[in-house]
Protein backbone atom coordinates (compact mmCIF):
# COMPACT_ATOMS: atom_id res chain seq x y z
CA UNK A 1 -7.21 21.54 3.27
CA UNK A 2 -7.64 17.83 3.88
CA UNK A 3 -5.82 14.79 2.51
CA UNK A 4 -6.96 11.19 2.93
CA UNK A 5 -4.58 8.27 2.51
CA UNK A 6 -6.25 4.89 2.05
CA UNK A 7 -3.82 2.24 3.19
CA UNK A 8 -1.55 2.66 6.22
CA UNK A 9 1.21 0.34 5.10
CA UNK A 10 4.76 1.48 4.49
CA UNK A 11 4.10 3.65 1.43
CA UNK A 12 0.95 5.25 2.84
CA UNK A 13 2.58 5.94 6.20
CA UNK A 14 5.67 7.53 4.65
CA UNK A 15 3.48 9.69 2.43
CA UNK A 16 1.60 10.89 5.51
CA UNK A 17 4.86 11.70 7.26
CA UNK A 18 6.21 13.75 4.34
CA UNK A 19 2.89 15.59 3.92
CA UNK A 20 2.85 16.42 7.63
CA UNK A 21 6.48 17.59 7.56
CA UNK A 22 5.48 20.25 5.02
CA UNK A 23 2.33 21.23 6.97
CA UNK A 24 0.35 20.85 3.75
CA UNK A 25 -3.01 19.73 5.13
CA UNK A 26 -4.85 17.83 7.83
CA UNK A 27 -4.54 14.10 7.16
CA UNK A 28 -6.69 11.05 7.76
CA UNK A 29 -5.33 7.52 7.26
CA UNK A 30 -7.76 4.68 6.63
CA UNK A 31 -6.89 1.00 6.85
CA UNK A 32 -9.02 -2.09 7.30
CA UNK A 33 -6.53 -3.56 9.78
CA UNK A 34 -7.84 -2.60 13.20
CA UNK A 35 -5.46 -0.30 15.06
CA UNK A 36 -2.86 0.01 12.29
CA UNK A 37 -3.75 3.50 11.03
CA UNK A 38 -4.59 4.77 14.51
CA UNK A 39 -1.28 3.59 15.98
CA UNK A 40 0.76 5.22 13.24
CA UNK A 41 -1.21 8.46 13.50
CA UNK A 42 -0.50 8.60 17.23
CA UNK A 43 3.17 7.92 16.63
CA UNK A 44 3.33 10.78 14.09
CA UNK A 45 1.63 13.12 16.54
CA UNK A 46 4.11 12.23 19.28
CA UNK A 47 6.87 13.44 16.95
CA UNK A 48 5.11 16.74 16.14
CA UNK A 49 6.76 18.81 18.91
CA UNK A 50 10.16 17.67 17.67
CA UNK A 51 9.52 18.02 13.93
CA UNK A 52 7.41 21.17 14.04
CA UNK A 53 4.35 20.12 12.08
CA UNK A 54 0.99 21.48 13.19
CA UNK A 55 -1.49 19.55 11.06
CA UNK A 56 -4.04 17.17 12.52
CA UNK A 57 -3.49 13.47 11.79
CA UNK A 58 -6.13 10.81 12.37
CA UNK A 59 -6.07 7.06 11.89
CA UNK A 60 -9.22 4.99 11.48
CA UNK A 61 -10.93 2.02 9.89
CA UNK A 62 -13.99 4.14 9.05
CA UNK A 63 -14.20 5.46 5.49
CA UNK A 64 -16.65 8.12 6.69
CA UNK A 65 -13.59 9.99 7.99
CA UNK A 66 -12.48 10.88 4.44
CA UNK A 67 -15.54 13.13 4.08
CA UNK A 68 -14.71 16.34 2.21
CA UNK A 69 -11.10 15.48 1.38
CA UNK A 70 -9.42 17.61 -1.27
CA UNK A 71 -6.97 14.84 -2.24
CA UNK A 72 -7.33 11.09 -1.72
CA UNK A 73 -4.35 8.79 -2.16
CA UNK A 74 -4.95 5.08 -2.76
CA UNK A 75 -2.02 2.97 -1.54
CA UNK A 76 -4.07 0.03 -0.22
CA UNK A 77 -3.30 -3.33 -1.76
CA UNK A 78 -1.02 -6.31 -1.42
CA UNK A 79 2.34 -7.13 -2.97
CA UNK A 80 2.75 -10.28 -5.02
CA UNK A 81 3.69 -13.23 -2.80
CA UNK A 82 5.30 -16.59 -3.58
CA UNK A 83 2.79 -18.88 -5.27
CA UNK A 84 0.62 -16.02 -6.55
CA UNK A 85 0.28 -15.46 -10.27
CA UNK A 86 -0.39 -12.10 -11.91
CA UNK A 87 -4.15 -12.65 -12.06
CA UNK A 88 -4.32 -13.50 -8.35
CA UNK A 89 -2.64 -10.19 -7.52
CA UNK A 90 -4.84 -8.27 -9.95
CA UNK A 91 -8.06 -9.78 -8.62
CA UNK A 92 -7.26 -8.89 -5.01
CA UNK A 93 -6.03 -5.35 -5.67
CA UNK A 94 -8.86 -4.56 -8.08
CA UNK A 95 -11.34 -5.57 -5.39
CA UNK A 96 -9.63 -3.31 -2.85
CA UNK A 97 -9.50 -0.42 -5.33
CA UNK A 98 -13.16 -0.77 -6.25
CA UNK A 99 -14.24 -0.53 -2.63
CA UNK A 100 -11.99 2.48 -2.02
CA UNK A 101 -13.20 4.23 -5.18
CA UNK A 102 -16.85 3.73 -4.25
CA UNK A 103 -16.21 5.32 -0.85
CA UNK A 104 -14.35 8.23 -2.45
CA UNK A 105 -17.21 8.89 -4.88
CA UNK A 106 -19.68 8.91 -1.99
CA UNK A 107 -17.73 10.92 0.57
CA UNK A 108 -15.19 13.05 -1.32
CA UNK A 109 -16.78 13.80 -4.70
CA UNK A 110 -14.60 16.84 -5.36
CA UNK A 111 -11.27 15.19 -4.57
CA UNK A 112 -8.29 14.63 -6.80
CA UNK A 113 -7.44 10.91 -6.63
CA UNK A 114 -3.80 9.81 -6.75
CA UNK A 115 -3.40 6.07 -7.35
CA UNK A 116 -0.31 4.24 -6.07
CA UNK A 117 -1.50 0.61 -5.84
CA UNK A 118 -0.02 -1.78 -8.42
CA UNK A 119 -0.53 -2.64 -11.21
CA UNK A 120 -0.73 1.12 -11.21
CA UNK A 121 -1.96 2.00 -14.69
CA UNK A 122 -4.68 -0.66 -14.49
CA UNK A 123 -5.78 0.32 -10.97
CA UNK A 124 -6.00 3.95 -12.11
CA UNK A 125 -8.52 2.81 -14.73
CA UNK A 126 -10.48 1.02 -12.01
CA UNK A 127 -10.53 4.17 -9.89
CA UNK A 128 -11.71 6.28 -12.82
CA UNK A 129 -14.53 3.90 -13.72
CA UNK A 130 -15.73 3.33 -10.18
CA UNK A 131 -15.68 6.98 -9.09
CA UNK A 132 -17.12 8.34 -12.32
CA UNK A 133 -14.90 11.39 -11.82
CA UNK A 134 -13.69 13.71 -14.56
CA UNK A 135 -10.62 12.35 -16.36
CA UNK A 136 -8.32 15.03 -14.94
CA UNK A 137 -9.31 14.13 -11.36
CA UNK A 138 -7.71 10.66 -11.40
CA UNK A 139 -3.95 10.29 -11.83
CA UNK A 140 -1.38 7.59 -11.13
CA UNK A 141 1.89 8.10 -9.28
CA UNK A 142 4.76 6.38 -11.08
CA UNK A 143 6.67 8.78 -13.27
CA UNK A 144 7.77 10.96 -10.36
CA UNK A 145 9.22 7.89 -8.63
CA UNK A 146 10.86 6.42 -11.73
CA UNK A 147 12.31 9.83 -12.67
CA UNK A 148 13.77 10.47 -9.23
CA UNK A 149 15.48 7.08 -9.35
CA UNK A 150 16.94 7.91 -12.76
CA UNK A 151 18.09 11.30 -11.44
CA UNK A 152 19.82 9.71 -8.46
CA UNK A 153 21.60 7.05 -10.51
CA UNK A 154 22.93 9.74 -12.87
CA UNK A 155 24.05 11.95 -9.97
CA UNK A 156 25.76 9.01 -8.29
CA UNK A 157 27.66 8.14 -11.48
CA UNK A 158 28.76 11.74 -12.07
CA UNK A 159 29.35 12.66 -8.44
CA UNK A 160 27.01 15.68 -8.58
CA UNK A 161 24.12 16.96 -6.49
CA UNK A 162 20.93 15.03 -7.48
CA UNK A 163 18.91 18.24 -7.47
CA UNK A 164 20.89 19.46 -10.49
CA UNK A 165 19.77 16.45 -12.54
CA UNK A 166 16.54 16.77 -14.51
CA UNK A 167 14.98 13.69 -16.11
CA UNK A 168 11.71 12.48 -17.60
CA UNK A 169 10.50 8.87 -17.53
CA UNK A 170 7.36 8.00 -19.47
CA UNK A 171 5.31 4.87 -20.07
CA UNK A 172 3.89 2.22 -17.79
CA UNK A 173 5.23 1.55 -14.31
CA UNK A 174 7.23 -1.56 -15.08
CA UNK A 175 10.10 -2.97 -17.08
CA UNK A 176 8.74 -1.24 -20.20
CA UNK A 177 9.08 2.29 -18.79
CA UNK A 178 10.76 4.79 -21.11
CA UNK A 179 13.49 7.04 -19.64
CA UNK A 180 13.88 9.89 -22.12
CA UNK A 181 17.61 10.49 -22.37
CA UNK A 182 17.00 13.24 -24.91
CA UNK A 183 15.24 15.24 -22.15
CA UNK A 184 17.78 14.47 -19.43
CA UNK A 185 20.32 17.05 -18.32
CA UNK A 186 22.62 18.07 -15.47
CA UNK A 187 22.57 21.78 -14.70
CA UNK A 188 21.20 22.35 -18.20
CA UNK A 189 23.93 20.30 -19.89
CA UNK A 190 22.56 17.37 -21.95
CA UNK A 191 23.46 14.02 -20.45
CA UNK A 192 25.08 12.95 -23.72
CA UNK A 193 27.77 15.57 -23.18
CA UNK A 194 28.71 14.04 -19.83
CA UNK A 195 28.33 10.28 -20.26
CA UNK A 196 29.00 7.88 -23.11
CA UNK A 197 26.09 5.93 -24.67
CA UNK A 198 27.02 2.67 -22.93
CA UNK A 199 26.99 4.32 -19.49
CA UNK A 200 23.67 6.00 -20.19
CA UNK A 201 22.11 2.70 -21.28
CA UNK A 202 23.40 1.05 -18.12
CA UNK A 203 21.67 3.70 -16.00
CA UNK A 204 18.46 3.37 -18.03
CA UNK A 205 18.42 -0.39 -17.35
CA UNK A 206 19.05 0.16 -13.65
CA UNK A 207 16.16 2.62 -13.52
CA UNK A 208 13.81 0.06 -15.08
CA UNK A 209 14.74 -2.46 -12.40
CA UNK A 210 15.15 0.03 -9.55
CA UNK A 211 12.16 -1.29 -7.62
CA UNK A 212 13.17 -4.92 -8.13
CA UNK A 213 16.67 -4.11 -6.90
CA UNK A 214 15.24 -2.94 -3.58
CA UNK A 215 12.93 -5.96 -3.33
CA UNK A 216 15.87 -8.31 -3.86
CA UNK A 217 17.80 -6.63 -1.06
CA UNK A 218 14.89 -6.16 1.34
CA UNK A 219 13.47 -9.65 0.70
CA UNK A 220 10.33 -9.06 2.80
CA UNK A 221 8.82 -6.04 1.09
CA UNK A 222 9.36 -3.26 -1.42
CA UNK A 223 10.43 0.39 -1.52
CA UNK A 224 8.54 2.97 0.52
CA UNK A 225 10.71 6.02 1.26
CA UNK A 226 11.01 7.22 -2.35
CA UNK A 227 7.42 6.21 -3.26
CA UNK A 228 6.11 8.06 -0.19
CA UNK A 229 8.12 11.15 -1.07
CA UNK A 230 6.84 10.99 -4.65
CA UNK A 231 3.24 10.87 -3.43
CA UNK A 232 3.84 13.86 -1.15
CA UNK A 233 5.34 15.88 -4.02
CA UNK A 234 2.23 15.30 -6.13
CA UNK A 235 -0.09 16.11 -3.21
CA UNK A 236 1.81 19.34 -2.65
CA UNK A 237 1.35 20.33 -6.30
CA UNK A 238 -2.41 19.91 -5.95
CA UNK A 239 -2.82 21.52 -2.51
CA UNK A 240 -0.71 24.55 -3.45
CA UNK A 241 -1.99 24.70 -7.04
CA UNK A 242 1.65 24.78 -8.14
CA UNK A 243 1.15 23.90 -11.82
CA UNK A 244 4.19 21.59 -11.61
CA UNK A 245 5.37 19.61 -14.63
CA UNK A 246 5.56 15.94 -13.62
CA UNK A 247 5.55 12.62 -15.41
CA UNK A 248 2.40 10.87 -14.18
CA UNK A 249 -0.07 8.25 -15.34
CA UNK A 250 -2.93 10.11 -17.03
CA UNK A 251 -5.87 9.03 -19.17
CA UNK A 252 -5.03 9.59 -22.83
CA UNK A 253 -7.48 10.65 -25.53
CA UNK A 254 -5.22 10.70 -28.55
CA UNK A 255 -2.13 12.26 -27.01
CA UNK A 256 1.03 10.51 -28.23
CA UNK A 257 -1.21 8.63 -30.65
CA UNK A 258 -2.74 6.62 -27.81
CA UNK A 259 -6.33 6.45 -26.61
CA UNK A 260 -8.43 5.05 -23.75
CA UNK A 261 -5.48 4.10 -21.57
CA UNK A 262 -3.65 5.36 -18.50
CA UNK A 263 0.05 5.84 -19.25
CA UNK A 264 2.93 7.85 -17.86
CA UNK A 265 3.26 11.16 -19.73
CA UNK A 266 4.31 14.71 -18.80
CA UNK A 267 1.44 16.54 -17.10
CA UNK A 268 0.86 19.89 -15.43
CA UNK A 269 -0.41 19.19 -11.89
CA UNK A 270 -2.50 21.74 -10.01
CA UNK A 271 -5.62 22.19 -7.93
CA UNK A 272 -7.78 20.45 -10.54
CA UNK A 273 -5.47 17.46 -10.83
CA UNK A 274 -4.14 16.96 -14.36
CA UNK A 275 -4.46 20.48 -15.68
CA UNK A 276 -2.85 19.63 -19.01
CA UNK A 277 -1.00 16.83 -20.78
CA UNK A 278 2.22 18.00 -22.44
CA UNK A 279 3.12 16.35 -25.74
CA UNK A 280 6.88 16.21 -26.34
CA UNK A 281 8.52 15.52 -29.70
CA UNK A 282 9.92 12.00 -29.51
CA UNK A 283 12.52 10.24 -31.58
CA UNK A 284 11.46 7.18 -33.55
CA UNK A 285 13.16 4.93 -30.99
CA UNK A 286 11.40 6.68 -28.08
CA UNK A 287 8.06 6.50 -29.88
CA UNK A 288 8.38 2.75 -30.47
CA UNK A 289 9.38 2.22 -26.83
CA UNK A 290 6.35 4.20 -25.63
CA UNK A 291 4.05 2.20 -27.90
CA UNK A 292 5.51 -1.04 -26.52
CA UNK A 293 4.95 0.20 -22.98
CA UNK A 294 1.36 1.07 -23.84
CA UNK A 295 0.84 -2.42 -25.26
CA UNK A 296 1.99 -3.96 -21.98
CA UNK A 297 -0.58 -1.84 -20.13
CA UNK A 298 -3.30 -2.88 -22.58
CA UNK A 299 -2.59 -6.52 -21.74
CA UNK A 300 -3.29 -5.65 -18.11
CA UNK A 301 -6.55 -3.99 -19.14
CA UNK A 302 -7.57 -7.16 -20.99
CA UNK A 303 -6.95 -9.10 -17.79
CA UNK A 304 -9.10 -6.54 -15.98
CA UNK A 305 -11.99 -7.13 -18.38
CA UNK A 306 -11.58 -10.86 -17.71
CA UNK A 307 -12.47 -10.28 -14.08
């Protein structure tokens, strides 16, 4: 099996490392910055005797190297910088995504595409349009990351092992995301039995601003360990055909009453990408929150059409 990661920045590089650690597939990193992907690939390979991974890792500037990939991850793009407005960021990252998608369509026509570049739900739409792939073959990584943050915050508050916490976060990847407290539990016990409503709401708010919290502390960048691990978990589900239930950004055709939009929903991930979208019963409050999140994504799509 072969995985291509387009973009050798922090998130792409950590994803490669986690994929290699599990010996999931041979990996090629592509980045337009001369020497960046190649240097990191060599560094990973130097660690192989110590870490025990046996996969081949290549770094290059040549998109021809992604030929025949089973999964392609798009992490390439820039973060918003001082003085840039939202449209400036969108214009640059859409251009990068369009070029990457065209290369994927040409060289890896059977791949599952996992989009990480922000604004994620909008860039996923760009990737779908530019590749012309089947809807199930293009998916955005956000829900896995947002859910794992929610799980950690709950575990930290309760003093329990994070692996015992199960959570589901839907909606767009932003302040309008929708952590579903009704589907959150610890060892099978509903979260409402363990925490009071005020504490739960506090953790929900922290989850929504989890990425911004790291940016404010780091000051010169954004999160990459948890995003990289989230990418690797999704790649693993595809490579191993695991049929894992994840929250991920998928193209909706009426599910949850929404249409023609990428939005975070529960999906079954396997060899074919999004094998199935799972529709959960939502409370009226959760439904309104999901609709509001979808509206925020639609505003981004209007900006996209303006380009």
